[in-house]
Amino acid sequence: MQLLDRKAALAIAPFWRLGFRPFFLGGALFALIAVALWGAALSGHASLQPQAGLLAWHRHEMLFGFGLAIIAGFLLTAVQTWTSLPSLSGRPLIALFVVWALGRLVWFAPVPMPVLAVVELAFVVALVLAFGRLILKARQKHNAPIVVVLALLGFCQVLTLCGVALGDDAMQRRGILAALWLVAALMGVIGGRVIPFFTQRGLGLASQAPNKPWLMWSLLGGSLAIAVVFASGVGLHPHPLLAPLFLLVAGLHGLRLWLWYHPGIWRVPLLWSLHLAYGWMAVAAVGMALWHLGLLQQPSLASHALAVGGMGGLILAMLARVSLGHTGRPLTPPAAISWAFALLHVAALSRVLLAGFSVYGLWLAAASWCLAFAIFLRHYASMYWTARVDGHPG
């Protein structure tokens, strides 16, 4: 039976054998193209006219276009390892990827808003069903929170698209900010599993940092609470009583980083990139606390610390590490990838520290982000459409 499964897998073109291949490549390429278009449009060098306007497109696509694609690639690949059940491959995977790609194009098509919404929501619904089905079949209760967070992301996308359709900026922000903190919840859960493990393996340590389940559950609860605060609209306005929630989440992230820390990480790009990116989540929570206390004027600085530094940084670091492992290659990235990691953090610093005061900071952030993903694609793209180097059918 295993031989038949192997033959069937090898009969599928490498690009469609596992979810990480099309979605990591598609997501990274979209991250480059979308931000390049965004920066060019803002500087007046490109005429970009998506439905409902440039800002609505940018808000939606960086989360539900770029972020959700990478999440899909990771989960549809990891679930096969977690459950020992076959995940999407071949035609079903092609169909899901086409749905995602149509969602990126439909913003520029002359279709009614309900059609756009249906196309967009089809992807997250299909992802929840594809991933959740395997978790349910394997009866993995410990992974059920991931299914719940994915479903909540779908709700936030509905809220965002309703805001787009109604021209309601506040409703858009409610959906987007809630979704951003749901992504932070996923990063907390998944990062809590893989970062200490990768650190142990990368440094050859006898054991990994102690696992603290209460930390994971506390961070998950805190991130979900923040998402609810934003989805309800309460978090759109500064309120001192909300500051302790953000400070608590920041402190828990900081405690995790302290428990994980080993000075050897600075010798290994695949490790320091993960730790630095995770740190941006604590920075974002502190920034939101300062805004609620009246000590920071622009909450978007904290949101972009999470979106660019946290989400973007962790995605790039995870892509670089996971792609090597799943294509059977040694866990030693090309030397240029260190520059990609550094540029991503330059993008985050520019967006958080400079963009609020000068448009040049915004352009530097966009340029650094695009160059980071361009370097990544230059060295990794071919891995996704070629077979594993170790002969494994994955």
Protein backbone atom coordinates (compact mmCIF):
# COMPACT_ATOMS: atom_id res chain seq x y z
CA MET A 1 0.00 0.00 0.00
CA GLN A 2 2.84 2.39 0.86
CA LEU A 3 4.43 1.60 -2.51
CA LEU A 4 1.21 2.45 -4.30
CA ASP A 5 0.94 5.70 -2.33
CA ARG A 6 4.51 6.58 -3.24
CA LYS A 7 3.89 5.86 -6.92
CA ALA A 8 0.73 7.97 -6.87
CA ALA A 9 2.59 10.83 -5.20
CA LEU A 10 5.47 10.70 -7.66
CA ALA A 11 3.00 10.80 -10.54
CA ILE A 12 1.93 14.28 -9.42
CA ALA A 13 4.02 17.20 -10.65
CA PRO A 14 6.31 18.33 -7.77
CA PHE A 15 4.67 21.76 -7.55
CA TRP A 16 1.32 20.21 -6.56
CA ARG A 17 2.48 17.51 -4.15
CA LEU A 18 2.10 19.50 -0.92
CA GLY A 19 0.50 22.79 0.05
CA PHE A 20 3.70 24.62 0.97
CA ARG A 21 4.91 24.55 -2.63
CA PRO A 22 2.28 26.66 -4.46
CA PHE A 23 1.26 28.76 -1.47
CA PHE A 24 4.75 29.66 -0.26
CA LEU A 25 5.79 30.62 -3.78
CA GLY A 26 2.51 32.37 -4.59
CA GLY A 27 2.39 34.18 -1.25
CA ALA A 28 6.00 35.38 -1.43
CA LEU A 29 5.59 36.55 -5.03
CA PHE A 30 2.37 38.34 -4.14
CA ALA A 31 4.08 40.01 -1.15
CA LEU A 32 6.65 41.46 -3.54
CA ILE A 33 4.20 42.53 -6.25
CA ALA A 34 1.50 43.94 -3.95
CA VAL A 35 3.85 46.11 -1.89
CA ALA A 36 5.70 47.26 -5.01
CA LEU A 37 2.39 48.36 -6.54
CA TRP A 38 1.32 49.97 -3.26
CA GLY A 39 4.54 51.96 -2.99
CA ALA A 40 4.48 52.95 -6.64
CA ALA A 41 0.85 54.10 -6.39
CA LEU A 42 1.53 56.17 -3.27
CA SER A 43 4.51 57.86 -4.93
CA GLY A 44 2.47 58.64 -8.04
CA HIS A 45 4.42 56.30 -10.31
CA ALA A 46 1.57 53.87 -10.95
CA SER A 47 -2.14 54.18 -11.55
CA LEU A 48 -3.75 51.46 -9.45
CA GLN A 49 -7.53 51.34 -9.26
CA PRO A 50 -8.78 48.33 -7.31
CA GLN A 51 -12.41 48.11 -6.30
CA ALA A 52 -13.29 50.25 -3.26
CA GLY A 53 -9.98 52.13 -3.44
CA LEU A 54 -6.29 51.61 -2.84
CA LEU A 55 -6.37 51.62 0.97
CA ALA A 56 -9.14 49.03 1.23
CA TRP A 57 -7.25 46.79 -1.21
CA HIS A 58 -3.97 47.16 0.70
CA ARG A 59 -5.58 46.45 4.05
CA HIS A 60 -7.39 43.36 2.84
CA GLU A 61 -4.70 41.87 0.65
CA MET A 62 -1.75 42.00 3.02
CA LEU A 63 -3.70 39.90 5.52
CA PHE A 64 -6.14 37.80 3.52
CA GLY A 65 -4.06 37.65 0.33
CA PHE A 66 -0.45 37.37 1.51
CA GLY A 67 -0.76 36.27 5.15
CA LEU A 68 -3.51 33.71 4.66
CA ALA A 69 -1.70 32.13 1.69
CA ILE A 70 1.37 31.41 3.82
CA ILE A 71 -0.79 30.17 6.69
CA ALA A 72 -2.55 27.83 4.25
CA GLY A 73 0.73 26.50 2.88
CA PHE A 74 2.10 25.85 6.34
CA LEU A 75 -1.02 24.25 7.83
CA LEU A 76 -1.86 22.07 4.81
CA THR A 77 1.67 20.70 4.97
CA ALA A 78 2.01 20.41 8.75
CA VAL A 79 -1.36 18.70 9.17
CA GLN A 80 -0.08 15.71 7.22
CA THR A 81 2.74 15.32 9.74
CA TRP A 82 0.50 16.00 12.72
CA THR A 83 -2.25 13.54 11.76
CA SER A 84 -0.43 11.00 9.53
CA LEU A 85 -3.30 11.52 7.09
CA PRO A 86 -2.80 12.65 3.45
CA SER A 87 -3.33 16.36 2.95
CA LEU A 88 -4.36 18.14 -0.25
CA SER A 89 -2.32 17.37 -3.33
CA GLY A 90 -2.85 17.14 -7.07
CA ARG A 91 -6.15 18.43 -8.43
CA PRO A 92 -7.74 19.43 -5.09
CA LEU A 93 -4.64 21.50 -4.27
CA ILE A 94 -4.70 23.05 -7.75
CA ALA A 95 -8.36 23.99 -7.26
CA LEU A 96 -7.65 25.62 -3.89
CA PHE A 97 -4.72 27.58 -5.31
CA VAL A 98 -6.83 28.78 -8.24
CA VAL A 99 -9.46 30.03 -5.79
CA TRP A 100 -6.75 31.96 -3.94
CA ALA A 101 -5.34 33.41 -7.18
CA LEU A 102 -8.81 34.49 -8.37
CA GLY A 103 -9.20 36.35 -5.10
CA ARG A 104 -6.16 38.44 -5.91
CA LEU A 105 -7.41 39.27 -9.42
CA VAL A 106 -11.05 39.95 -8.65
CA TRP A 107 -10.23 43.31 -7.02
CA PHE A 108 -9.43 44.62 -10.49
CA ALA A 109 -12.36 43.01 -12.32
CA PRO A 110 -15.61 44.87 -13.13
CA VAL A 111 -17.77 42.62 -10.95
CA PRO A 112 -20.40 43.52 -8.35
CA MET A 113 -19.22 43.67 -4.76
CA PRO A 114 -21.17 40.52 -3.74
CA VAL A 115 -19.28 38.55 -6.40
CA LEU A 116 -15.96 39.85 -5.08
CA ALA A 117 -16.99 38.86 -1.56
CA VAL A 118 -18.00 35.34 -2.59
CA VAL A 119 -14.71 34.78 -4.43
CA GLU A 120 -12.71 36.08 -1.46
CA LEU A 121 -14.57 34.09 1.18
CA ALA A 122 -14.46 30.86 -0.83
CA PHE A 123 -10.76 30.46 -0.03
CA VAL A 124 -10.95 30.74 3.75
CA VAL A 125 -14.02 28.47 3.86
CA ALA A 126 -12.26 25.83 1.76
CA LEU A 127 -9.14 26.10 3.93
CA VAL A 128 -11.10 25.65 7.16
CA LEU A 129 -12.83 22.58 5.71
CA ALA A 130 -9.64 21.03 4.27
CA PHE A 131 -7.61 21.54 7.44
CA GLY A 132 -10.40 21.03 9.98
CA ARG A 133 -11.53 17.77 8.37
CA LEU A 134 -8.16 16.14 9.03
CA ILE A 135 -7.92 17.49 12.58
CA LEU A 136 -11.42 16.18 13.31
CA LYS A 137 -10.73 12.82 11.67
CA ALA A 138 -7.56 12.39 13.74
CA ARG A 139 -9.39 13.59 16.88
CA GLN A 140 -6.61 16.02 17.73
CA LYS A 141 -8.18 18.21 20.38
CA HIS A 142 -4.92 20.08 20.99
CA ASN A 143 -5.04 21.41 17.40
CA ALA A 144 -8.71 22.38 17.55
CA PRO A 145 -7.86 25.99 18.60
CA ILE A 146 -6.15 26.47 15.24
CA VAL A 147 -9.36 25.49 13.44
CA VAL A 148 -11.30 27.94 15.63
CA VAL A 149 -8.88 30.78 14.89
CA LEU A 150 -9.11 30.07 11.15
CA ALA A 151 -12.91 30.21 11.34
CA LEU A 152 -12.70 33.50 13.25
CA LEU A 153 -10.42 34.86 10.53
CA GLY A 154 -13.23 34.09 8.09
CA PHE A 155 -15.63 36.10 10.26
CA CYS A 156 -13.20 39.02 10.29
CA GLN A 157 -12.95 38.84 6.51
CA VAL A 158 -16.74 39.06 6.31
CA LEU A 159 -16.65 42.11 8.58
CA THR A 160 -13.92 43.71 6.47
CA LEU A 161 -15.71 43.10 3.18
CA CYS A 162 -18.96 44.45 4.60
CA GLY A 163 -17.06 47.60 5.52
CA VAL A 164 -15.67 47.77 1.98
CA ALA A 165 -19.11 47.29 0.41
CA LEU A 166 -20.72 49.91 2.66
CA GLY A 167 -17.84 52.37 2.43
CA ASP A 168 -17.56 52.14 6.22
CA ASP A 169 -13.93 52.78 7.19
CA ALA A 170 -14.50 51.96 10.86
CA MET A 171 -15.99 48.57 10.00
CA GLN A 172 -13.05 47.83 7.72
CA ARG A 173 -10.61 48.66 10.50
CA ARG A 174 -12.55 46.52 12.97
CA GLY A 175 -12.26 43.50 10.69
CA ILE A 176 -8.64 44.06 9.70
CA LEU A 177 -7.27 44.79 13.18
CA ALA A 178 -9.17 41.88 14.70
CA ALA A 179 -7.80 39.61 11.96
CA LEU A 180 -4.27 40.90 12.53
CA TRP A 181 -4.41 39.89 16.18
CA LEU A 182 -5.89 36.53 15.24
CA VAL A 183 -2.85 36.02 13.04
CA ALA A 184 -0.78 36.97 16.09
CA ALA A 185 -2.64 34.27 18.00
CA LEU A 186 -1.68 31.71 15.34
CA MET A 187 1.92 32.91 15.38
CA GLY A 188 1.95 32.52 19.14
CA VAL A 189 0.65 28.96 18.98
CA ILE A 190 2.81 27.80 16.07
CA GLY A 191 5.85 29.84 17.07
CA GLY A 192 5.62 28.40 20.55
CA ARG A 193 5.96 24.93 19.06
CA VAL A 194 8.60 25.42 16.41
CA ILE A 195 10.94 28.18 17.62
CA PRO A 196 12.29 26.31 20.68
CA PHE A 197 12.48 23.11 18.61
CA PHE A 198 14.32 24.82 15.76
CA THR A 199 16.63 26.46 18.32
CA GLN A 200 17.49 23.12 19.88
CA ARG A 201 18.12 21.50 16.51
CA GLY A 202 19.98 24.49 15.07
CA LEU A 203 22.39 24.74 18.01
CA GLY A 204 22.68 21.00 18.71
CA LEU A 205 21.42 21.41 22.29
CA ALA A 206 20.66 18.39 24.46
CA SER A 207 17.13 19.63 25.12
CA GLN A 208 14.89 22.48 24.07
CA ALA A 209 13.63 25.30 26.25
CA PRO A 210 11.02 24.14 28.77
CA ASN A 211 7.49 24.06 27.42
CA LYS A 212 5.08 26.15 29.45
CA PRO A 213 1.51 25.25 28.43
CA TRP A 214 0.10 28.01 30.60
CA LEU A 215 2.09 30.53 28.58
CA MET A 216 0.62 29.28 25.31
CA TRP A 217 -2.93 29.31 26.62
CA SER A 218 -2.49 32.73 28.25
CA LEU A 219 -1.15 34.24 25.04
CA LEU A 220 -3.87 32.59 22.99
CA GLY A 221 -6.53 33.94 25.34
CA GLY A 222 -4.96 37.40 25.42
CA SER A 223 -4.67 37.61 21.63
CA LEU A 224 -8.26 36.42 21.18
CA ALA A 225 -9.43 39.00 23.73
CA ILE A 226 -7.63 41.75 21.79
CA ALA A 227 -9.26 40.51 18.58
CA VAL A 228 -12.68 40.72 20.22
CA VAL A 229 -11.91 44.23 21.46
CA PHE A 230 -11.12 45.36 17.92
CA ALA A 231 -13.97 43.45 16.25
CA SER A 232 -16.46 45.08 18.61
CA GLY A 233 -15.14 48.53 17.75
CA VAL A 234 -14.10 49.31 21.32
CA GLY A 235 -10.41 49.10 20.46
CA LEU A 236 -10.63 51.73 17.72
CA HIS A 237 -10.52 54.49 20.32
CA PRO A 238 -7.96 54.95 23.11
CA HIS A 239 -9.09 53.77 26.52
CA PRO A 240 -6.69 53.52 29.49
CA LEU A 241 -8.50 50.46 30.84
CA LEU A 242 -7.41 48.46 27.79
CA ALA A 243 -3.70 49.17 28.32
CA PRO A 244 -3.21 46.39 30.94
CA LEU A 245 -4.41 43.76 28.46
CA PHE A 246 -1.79 44.80 25.91
CA LEU A 247 0.91 45.08 28.57
CA LEU A 248 0.06 41.58 29.79
CA VAL A 249 0.39 40.15 26.28
CA ALA A 250 3.67 42.04 25.77
CA GLY A 251 5.02 40.68 29.05
CA LEU A 252 4.07 37.10 28.17
CA HIS A 253 5.77 37.36 24.78
CA GLY A 254 8.83 38.82 26.47
CA LEU A 255 8.89 35.98 29.01
CA ARG A 256 8.76 33.44 26.18
CA LEU A 257 11.69 35.07 24.41
CA TRP A 258 13.68 35.05 27.64
CA LEU A 259 12.97 31.35 28.20
CA TRP A 260 13.94 30.53 24.60
CA TYR A 261 17.06 32.64 24.51
CA HIS A 262 20.50 31.15 23.91
CA PRO A 263 23.46 33.34 22.88
CA GLY A 264 24.24 30.88 20.10
CA ILE A 265 21.25 32.04 18.06
CA TRP A 266 23.23 35.03 16.76
CA ARG A 267 25.51 32.65 14.86
CA VAL A 268 22.60 31.07 12.97
CA PRO A 269 20.52 33.28 10.61
CA LEU A 270 17.61 30.81 10.60
CA LEU A 271 17.37 31.32 14.37
CA TRP A 272 18.02 35.01 15.02
CA SER A 273 15.53 35.86 12.29
CA LEU A 274 12.80 33.90 14.10
CA HIS A 275 13.59 35.36 17.53
CA LEU A 276 13.76 38.95 16.27
CA ALA A 277 10.51 38.60 14.36
CA TYR A 278 8.76 37.14 17.39
CA GLY A 279 10.02 40.10 19.42
CA TRP A 280 8.05 42.48 17.19
CA MET A 281 4.85 41.01 18.63
CA ALA A 282 5.86 42.24 22.07
CA VAL A 283 6.81 45.64 20.60
CA ALA A 284 3.39 45.90 18.92
CA ALA A 285 1.56 45.11 22.16
CA VAL A 286 3.61 47.71 24.06
CA GLY A 287 2.86 50.25 21.33
CA MET A 288 -0.88 49.62 21.59
CA ALA A 289 -0.69 50.00 25.38
CA LEU A 290 1.11 53.34 24.96
CA TRP A 291 -1.57 54.53 22.54
CA HIS A 292 -4.36 53.62 24.95
CA LEU A 293 -2.48 55.52 27.67
CA GLY A 294 -2.20 58.59 25.44
CA LEU A 295 1.57 58.28 25.04
CA LEU A 296 1.56 57.37 21.34
CA GLN A 297 -0.38 59.37 18.78
CA GLN A 298 -0.54 56.92 15.87
CA PRO A 299 -1.86 53.42 16.63
CA SER A 300 -0.99 52.40 13.07
CA LEU A 301 2.68 52.38 14.13
CA ALA A 302 1.96 49.57 16.59
CA SER A 303 -0.23 47.75 14.05
CA HIS A 304 2.53 47.89 11.45
CA ALA A 305 5.07 46.67 14.00
CA LEU A 306 2.91 43.55 14.21
CA ALA A 307 2.10 43.34 10.49
CA VAL A 308 5.55 44.08 9.03
CA GLY A 309 7.97 43.05 11.75
CA GLY A 310 5.95 40.28 13.37
CA MET A 311 3.90 38.72 10.59
CA GLY A 312 6.26 39.59 7.73
CA GLY A 313 9.38 38.71 9.70
CA LEU A 314 8.11 35.38 10.99
CA ILE A 315 6.78 34.44 7.57
CA LEU A 316 10.08 35.12 5.83
CA ALA A 317 12.07 33.28 8.52
CA MET A 318 9.67 30.32 8.49
CA LEU A 319 9.67 30.15 4.69
CA ALA A 320 13.45 30.05 4.64
CA ARG A 321 13.69 27.28 7.25
CA VAL A 322 10.63 25.14 6.45
CA SER A 323 11.24 25.14 2.69
CA LEU A 324 14.70 23.67 3.14
CA GLY A 325 13.42 20.90 5.38
CA HIS A 326 10.44 19.98 3.22
CA THR A 327 12.52 19.83 0.04
CA GLY A 328 15.11 17.53 1.63
CA ARG A 329 17.92 20.08 1.68
CA PRO A 330 20.47 20.76 4.45
CA LEU A 331 19.29 23.42 6.90
CA THR A 332 21.87 25.91 5.68
CA PRO A 333 20.35 28.77 3.68
CA PRO A 334 22.21 30.71 0.99
CA ALA A 335 24.34 33.48 2.50
CA ALA A 336 22.21 36.16 0.82
CA ILE A 337 19.19 35.17 2.91
CA SER A 338 20.77 36.90 5.90
CA TRP A 339 20.48 40.13 3.91
CA ALA A 340 16.83 39.35 3.22
CA PHE A 341 16.17 38.93 6.94
CA ALA A 342 18.02 42.17 7.73
CA LEU A 343 16.12 44.09 5.04
CA LEU A 344 12.80 42.85 6.39
CA HIS A 345 13.65 44.32 9.78
CA VAL A 346 14.82 47.54 8.12
CA ALA A 347 11.36 47.64 6.53
CA ALA A 348 9.72 47.23 9.92
CA LEU A 349 11.89 49.86 11.59
CA SER A 350 11.30 52.29 8.72
CA ARG A 351 7.54 51.77 8.79
CA VAL A 352 7.34 52.15 12.58
CA LEU A 353 9.96 54.82 13.32
CA LEU A 354 10.19 56.87 10.12
CA ALA A 355 6.97 56.61 8.11
CA GLY A 356 4.98 58.53 10.69
CA PHE A 357 7.22 61.55 10.17
CA SER A 358 8.32 61.38 6.54
CA VAL A 359 7.01 59.84 3.34
CA TYR A 360 10.58 58.73 2.66
CA GLY A 361 10.26 56.33 5.58
CA LEU A 362 7.27 54.74 3.89
CA TRP A 363 9.14 54.38 0.60
CA LEU A 364 12.19 52.94 2.38
CA ALA A 365 9.94 50.43 4.15
CA ALA A 366 8.32 49.35 0.88
CA ALA A 367 11.65 49.11 -0.96
CA SER A 368 13.28 47.10 1.82
CA TRP A 369 10.31 44.72 2.02
CA CYS A 370 10.32 44.15 -1.74
CA LEU A 371 14.07 43.60 -1.89
CA ALA A 372 13.87 41.10 1.01
CA PHE A 373 11.27 38.99 -0.80
CA ALA A 374 13.08 39.39 -4.12
CA ILE A 375 16.25 37.92 -2.58
CA PHE A 376 14.22 35.10 -1.07
CA LEU A 377 12.55 34.28 -4.38
CA ARG A 378 15.85 34.44 -6.25
CA HIS A 379 17.28 31.65 -4.10
CA TYR A 380 14.20 29.62 -3.18
CA ALA A 381 11.68 29.78 -6.03
CA SER A 382 13.06 26.81 -7.96
CA MET A 383 12.81 24.59 -4.88
CA TYR A 384 9.04 24.65 -5.11
CA TRP A 385 8.64 23.30 -8.63
CA THR A 386 11.44 20.72 -8.46
CA ALA A 387 11.36 17.35 -6.71
CA ARG A 388 12.90 16.85 -3.28
CA VAL A 389 16.62 16.23 -3.49
CA ASP A 390 16.38 13.16 -1.23
CA GLY A 391 13.89 11.34 -3.47
CA HIS A 392 11.03 11.58 -0.99
CA PRO A 393 7.69 12.10 -2.78
CA GLY A 394 6.72 15.16 -0.71
